[in-house]
Protein backbone atom coordinates (compact mmCIF):
# COMPACT_ATOMS: atom_id res chain seq x y z
CA MET A 1 8.07 0.02 28.10
CA ASP A 2 6.87 -3.48 28.74
CA TRP A 3 6.11 -4.90 25.30
CA GLN A 4 4.00 -7.60 27.00
CA THR A 5 1.27 -4.98 27.46
CA ILE A 6 1.16 -4.14 23.73
CA GLU A 7 -1.39 -6.39 22.11
CA HIS A 8 -0.98 -5.82 18.38
CA PHE A 9 2.66 -4.92 17.73
CA LYS A 10 6.12 -6.34 18.28
CA GLU A 11 9.08 -4.15 19.11
CA SER A 12 10.86 -5.30 15.94
CA GLU A 13 8.15 -3.73 13.74
CA PHE A 14 9.41 -0.28 14.76
CA SER A 15 13.12 -0.91 14.05
CA CYS A 16 14.95 0.71 11.14
CA LYS A 17 14.29 -1.22 7.93
CA CYS A 18 17.99 -1.19 6.93
CA GLY A 19 18.64 -3.89 9.53
CA CYS A 20 20.89 -1.82 11.81
CA GLY A 21 18.52 -2.32 14.76
CA PHE A 22 17.97 1.37 15.49
CA ASN A 23 14.75 1.71 17.46
CA LYS A 24 13.83 4.46 19.83
CA ILE A 25 10.09 4.53 19.20
CA ASP A 26 8.16 6.69 21.62
CA LYS A 27 6.40 4.45 24.14
CA ASP A 28 3.24 6.54 24.35
CA PHE A 29 3.04 6.54 20.56
CA VAL A 30 2.98 2.73 20.50
CA ILE A 31 0.16 2.73 23.06
CA LEU A 32 -1.83 5.11 20.82
CA LEU A 33 -1.21 2.89 17.80
CA ASP A 34 -2.39 -0.15 19.75
CA PHE A 35 -5.57 1.75 20.63
CA ILE A 36 -6.12 2.71 16.97
CA ARG A 37 -5.69 -0.95 15.99
CA ASP A 38 -8.31 -1.97 18.56
CA GLU A 39 -10.75 0.63 17.28
CA ILE A 40 -10.52 -0.12 13.55
CA LYS A 41 -10.59 -3.88 14.13
CA GLU A 42 -8.16 -4.47 11.26
CA PRO A 43 -4.42 -5.14 11.22
CA LEU A 44 -2.11 -2.14 11.03
CA ILE A 45 1.11 -2.79 9.17
CA ILE A 46 4.06 -0.52 9.89
CA ASN A 47 5.80 0.37 6.61
CA SER A 48 8.35 2.59 8.32
CA ALA A 49 8.94 3.75 11.88
CA CYS A 50 12.37 4.49 13.32
CA ARG A 51 15.11 5.32 10.81
CA CYS A 52 18.82 5.69 11.30
CA ILE A 53 20.38 8.72 9.63
CA SER A 54 21.97 6.63 6.88
CA HIS A 55 18.76 4.80 5.94
CA ASN A 56 16.76 8.03 6.04
CA GLN A 57 19.24 9.61 3.61
CA ASN A 58 19.24 6.54 1.34
CA ILE A 59 15.46 6.61 0.92
CA GLY A 60 15.31 10.38 0.42
CA GLY A 61 13.78 11.18 3.81
CA SER A 62 13.79 14.70 5.17
CA PRO A 63 16.86 15.58 7.24
CA THR A 64 14.43 16.79 9.93
CA SER A 65 12.22 13.69 9.74
CA SER A 66 10.46 12.69 12.94
CA HIS A 67 11.27 9.06 11.98
CA LEU A 68 14.84 9.83 13.13
CA HIS A 69 13.55 10.38 16.67
CA GLY A 70 10.98 7.58 16.96
CA LEU A 71 8.12 10.06 16.63
CA ALA A 72 6.60 9.02 13.29
CA VAL A 73 5.24 5.95 11.56
CA ASP A 74 3.96 5.16 8.10
CA LEU A 75 0.97 2.82 8.20
CA LYS A 76 0.13 0.66 5.19
CA ILE A 77 -3.37 1.45 3.89
CA GLU A 78 -4.90 -1.05 1.48
CA ASN A 79 -8.21 0.62 0.66
CA SER A 80 -10.30 3.77 1.04
CA ASN A 81 -12.47 2.30 3.81
CA LYS A 82 -9.44 1.66 6.00
CA ARG A 83 -8.06 5.11 5.12
CA TYR A 84 -11.32 6.65 6.31
CA LYS A 85 -11.34 4.68 9.58
CA VAL A 86 -7.75 5.58 10.42
CA LEU A 87 -8.08 9.25 9.47
CA ASN A 88 -11.32 9.59 11.41
CA LEU A 89 -9.62 8.26 14.54
CA LEU A 90 -6.48 10.35 14.08
CA LEU A 91 -8.48 13.55 13.75
CA GLY A 92 -10.62 12.61 16.76
CA MET A 93 -7.44 11.97 18.76
CA ASN A 94 -6.14 15.43 17.83
CA PHE A 95 -3.10 14.36 15.82
CA LYS A 96 -1.51 17.53 14.42
CA ARG A 97 0.58 16.24 11.50
CA ILE A 98 -0.79 13.68 9.03
CA GLY A 99 0.47 12.76 5.57
CA ILE A 100 -1.76 10.91 3.12
CA TYR A 101 -0.11 8.91 0.36
CA ASP A 102 -1.52 6.44 -2.17
CA ASP A 103 -0.80 3.37 -0.06
CA PHE A 104 0.12 4.64 3.41
CA ILE A 105 -0.61 7.28 6.02
CA HIS A 106 2.21 9.09 7.80
CA ILE A 107 1.49 9.90 11.43
CA ASP A 108 3.81 12.32 13.17
CA ILE A 109 3.63 13.07 16.88
CA ASN A 110 6.55 15.45 16.90
CA PHE A 111 5.42 18.47 18.86
CA ASP A 112 8.36 20.50 17.58
CA LYS A 113 6.79 23.91 17.06
CA SER A 114 9.28 24.66 14.28
CA LYS A 115 7.25 22.27 12.11
CA PRO A 116 3.84 23.31 10.83
CA GLN A 117 1.02 22.15 13.12
CA ASN A 118 -2.60 21.25 12.30
CA VAL A 119 -1.62 20.06 8.82
CA ILE A 120 -2.63 17.25 6.52
CA TRP A 121 -0.63 16.83 3.35
CA TYR A 122 -1.21 14.60 0.33
CA LYS A 123 1.36 13.18 -2.06
């Protein structure tokens, strides 16, 4: 992917937070995130995207996490208005796996049919 065409994100934002450099974010996913950012007209901060196996284990991530494959991100959400805007767009864009947490939203584009589809979970 040509990162020059991505307006709102840098490649480094999707790298593993442990500092190892692991980054195999799905290119189409980044394009969707850039579109979401355009639509909500507010910054989107990536809390977590790609994770190496070691980092995923250290933070208690699922061994089958889509973060391990560059197919999930956690977006920082500062308030309920932003949460509404993002969720409204995600549902309109037919995202199938969404996690809502107190201060972030997990977006998963893993189309692995072994995982439950058409789900929204809250923690």
